[in-house]
N, C-alpha and C. Protein backbone atom coordinates (compact mmCIF):
# COMPACT_ATOMS: atom_id res chain seq x y z
N MET A 1 -17.22 -2.40 13.33
CA MET A 1 -16.86 -3.69 13.86
C MET A 1 -15.45 -4.07 13.41
N PHE A 2 -15.19 -4.01 12.11
CA PHE A 2 -13.86 -4.30 11.61
C PHE A 2 -13.19 -2.99 11.22
N ALA A 3 -11.92 -2.89 11.48
CA ALA A 3 -11.19 -1.67 11.12
C ALA A 3 -10.75 -1.74 9.66
N GLN A 4 -10.82 -0.62 8.97
CA GLN A 4 -10.33 -0.58 7.59
C GLN A 4 -8.80 -0.56 7.63
N LYS A 5 -8.21 -1.16 6.64
CA LYS A 5 -6.76 -1.20 6.53
C LYS A 5 -6.30 -0.14 5.55
N LYS A 6 -5.07 0.29 5.67
CA LYS A 6 -4.48 1.23 4.73
C LYS A 6 -3.51 0.48 3.84
N CYS A 7 -3.47 0.88 2.58
CA CYS A 7 -2.55 0.27 1.62
C CYS A 7 -1.12 0.59 2.05
N SER A 8 -0.27 -0.42 2.05
CA SER A 8 1.11 -0.23 2.49
C SER A 8 1.93 0.59 1.50
N PHE A 9 1.45 0.71 0.26
CA PHE A 9 2.20 1.46 -0.74
C PHE A 9 1.66 2.86 -0.95
N CYS A 10 0.37 2.99 -1.26
CA CYS A 10 -0.16 4.31 -1.62
C CYS A 10 -0.82 5.03 -0.44
N GLY A 11 -1.21 4.31 0.60
CA GLY A 11 -1.79 4.94 1.77
C GLY A 11 -3.30 5.09 1.74
N LYS A 12 -3.96 4.62 0.69
CA LYS A 12 -5.43 4.70 0.61
C LYS A 12 -6.06 3.61 1.46
N ASP A 13 -7.33 3.82 1.83
CA ASP A 13 -8.06 2.82 2.59
C ASP A 13 -8.39 1.62 1.71
N VAL A 14 -8.26 0.43 2.28
CA VAL A 14 -8.63 -0.81 1.59
C VAL A 14 -9.97 -1.23 2.15
N ALA A 15 -10.99 -1.28 1.31
CA ALA A 15 -12.34 -1.65 1.75
C ALA A 15 -12.37 -3.12 2.17
N LEU A 16 -13.29 -3.42 3.07
CA LEU A 16 -13.43 -4.80 3.54
C LEU A 16 -13.81 -5.71 2.38
N GLY A 17 -13.13 -6.84 2.26
CA GLY A 17 -13.41 -7.77 1.18
C GLY A 17 -12.64 -7.50 -0.09
N TYR A 18 -11.80 -6.47 -0.09
CA TYR A 18 -11.02 -6.11 -1.27
C TYR A 18 -9.55 -6.09 -0.91
N GLY A 19 -8.72 -6.02 -1.92
CA GLY A 19 -7.29 -5.90 -1.70
C GLY A 19 -6.61 -7.23 -1.48
N LEU A 20 -5.33 -7.15 -1.14
CA LEU A 20 -4.52 -8.34 -0.96
C LEU A 20 -3.67 -8.16 0.29
N MET A 21 -3.61 -9.19 1.12
CA MET A 21 -2.78 -9.17 2.31
C MET A 21 -1.57 -10.06 2.06
N LEU A 22 -0.38 -9.53 2.28
CA LEU A 22 0.85 -10.30 2.11
C LEU A 22 1.51 -10.43 3.47
N VAL A 23 1.83 -11.67 3.86
CA VAL A 23 2.51 -11.92 5.12
C VAL A 23 3.88 -12.49 4.80
N ARG A 24 4.91 -11.81 5.24
CA ARG A 24 6.28 -12.27 4.98
C ARG A 24 6.69 -13.32 6.02
N ASN A 25 7.82 -13.97 5.78
CA ASN A 25 8.29 -15.01 6.68
C ASN A 25 8.63 -14.49 8.07
N ASP A 26 8.98 -13.20 8.17
CA ASP A 26 9.31 -12.63 9.48
C ASP A 26 8.07 -12.18 10.25
N GLY A 27 6.88 -12.33 9.65
CA GLY A 27 5.63 -12.00 10.32
C GLY A 27 5.09 -10.62 10.02
N SER A 28 5.79 -9.83 9.21
CA SER A 28 5.29 -8.50 8.87
C SER A 28 4.15 -8.63 7.85
N ILE A 29 3.14 -7.76 8.00
CA ILE A 29 1.93 -7.82 7.17
C ILE A 29 1.86 -6.58 6.31
N TYR A 30 1.63 -6.78 5.02
CA TYR A 30 1.47 -5.69 4.06
C TYR A 30 0.11 -5.82 3.40
N TRP A 31 -0.62 -4.69 3.30
CA TRP A 31 -1.91 -4.64 2.62
C TRP A 31 -1.76 -3.85 1.34
N TYR A 32 -2.34 -4.34 0.25
CA TYR A 32 -2.31 -3.65 -1.04
C TYR A 32 -3.74 -3.49 -1.54
N CYS A 33 -4.07 -2.27 -2.02
CA CYS A 33 -5.44 -1.99 -2.48
C CYS A 33 -5.63 -2.43 -3.93
N SER A 34 -4.55 -2.56 -4.70
CA SER A 34 -4.69 -2.91 -6.11
C SER A 34 -3.42 -3.61 -6.59
N SER A 35 -3.51 -4.19 -7.77
CA SER A 35 -2.33 -4.84 -8.34
C SER A 35 -1.29 -3.80 -8.74
N LYS A 36 -1.74 -2.59 -9.03
CA LYS A 36 -0.82 -1.49 -9.35
C LYS A 36 0.12 -1.22 -8.17
N CYS A 37 -0.44 -1.15 -6.98
CA CYS A 37 0.37 -0.91 -5.78
C CYS A 37 1.27 -2.10 -5.47
N ARG A 38 0.73 -3.31 -5.61
CA ARG A 38 1.51 -4.51 -5.33
C ARG A 38 2.71 -4.62 -6.26
N LYS A 39 2.50 -4.39 -7.56
CA LYS A 39 3.58 -4.50 -8.53
C LYS A 39 4.63 -3.42 -8.33
N ASN A 40 4.19 -2.18 -8.05
CA ASN A 40 5.14 -1.10 -7.83
C ASN A 40 6.00 -1.35 -6.60
N SER A 41 5.42 -1.98 -5.59
CA SER A 41 6.14 -2.23 -4.36
C SER A 41 7.06 -3.44 -4.45
N LEU A 42 6.51 -4.57 -4.85
CA LEU A 42 7.26 -5.83 -4.80
C LEU A 42 8.12 -6.08 -6.03
N LYS A 43 7.54 -5.92 -7.21
CA LYS A 43 8.25 -6.27 -8.44
C LYS A 43 9.20 -5.16 -8.89
N LEU A 44 8.72 -3.92 -8.87
CA LEU A 44 9.50 -2.80 -9.39
C LEU A 44 10.32 -2.09 -8.32
N ARG A 45 10.04 -2.38 -7.04
CA ARG A 45 10.79 -1.80 -5.90
C ARG A 45 10.82 -0.27 -5.93
N ARG A 46 9.68 0.36 -6.24
CA ARG A 46 9.62 1.82 -6.32
C ARG A 46 9.38 2.43 -4.94
N ASP A 47 9.86 3.66 -4.78
CA ASP A 47 9.68 4.40 -3.54
C ASP A 47 8.37 5.19 -3.62
N PRO A 48 7.41 4.97 -2.71
CA PRO A 48 6.13 5.67 -2.81
C PRO A 48 6.25 7.18 -2.62
N ARG A 49 7.33 7.65 -2.03
CA ARG A 49 7.52 9.09 -1.84
C ARG A 49 7.89 9.81 -3.13
N LYS A 50 8.23 9.04 -4.18
CA LYS A 50 8.63 9.64 -5.46
C LYS A 50 7.55 9.54 -6.54
N LEU A 51 6.40 8.95 -6.21
CA LEU A 51 5.31 8.81 -7.18
C LEU A 51 4.18 9.76 -6.82
N LYS A 52 3.77 10.57 -7.77
CA LYS A 52 2.82 11.65 -7.50
C LYS A 52 1.44 11.18 -7.10
N TRP A 53 1.04 9.98 -7.43
CA TRP A 53 -0.31 9.51 -7.14
C TRP A 53 -0.45 8.90 -5.75
N THR A 54 0.61 8.82 -4.96
CA THR A 54 0.52 8.26 -3.61
C THR A 54 0.31 9.36 -2.58
N THR A 55 -0.28 8.99 -1.45
CA THR A 55 -0.49 9.97 -0.39
C THR A 55 0.82 10.30 0.31
N PHE A 56 1.79 9.41 0.27
CA PHE A 56 3.09 9.68 0.89
C PHE A 56 3.83 10.79 0.14
N TYR A 57 3.65 10.86 -1.17
CA TYR A 57 4.23 11.95 -1.97
C TYR A 57 3.57 13.27 -1.59
N LYS A 58 2.25 13.24 -1.49
CA LYS A 58 1.49 14.46 -1.18
C LYS A 58 1.79 14.97 0.22
N LYS A 59 2.04 14.08 1.18
CA LYS A 59 2.39 14.49 2.54
C LYS A 59 3.75 15.16 2.56
N GLY A 60 4.70 14.62 1.81
CA GLY A 60 6.05 15.16 1.79
C GLY A 60 6.14 16.53 1.14
N LYS A 61 5.31 16.77 0.13
CA LYS A 61 5.35 18.05 -0.58
C LYS A 61 4.55 19.12 0.15
N GLY A 62 3.69 18.68 1.08
CA GLY A 62 2.89 19.50 1.96
C GLY A 62 2.30 20.69 1.45
């Protein structure tokens, strides 16, 4: 019935009723599965392609 969302930082599925949705002033929507992902993205401005625990890193190294 409801589609699962993917974390905007690590790429994992966010279960229904969990996670955090961030809506920016321009209307773009970001989903985060944990505070770890939220902090790495917003506060620390890290690139998910350079962190080994993200799916974006694993896709790039193939």
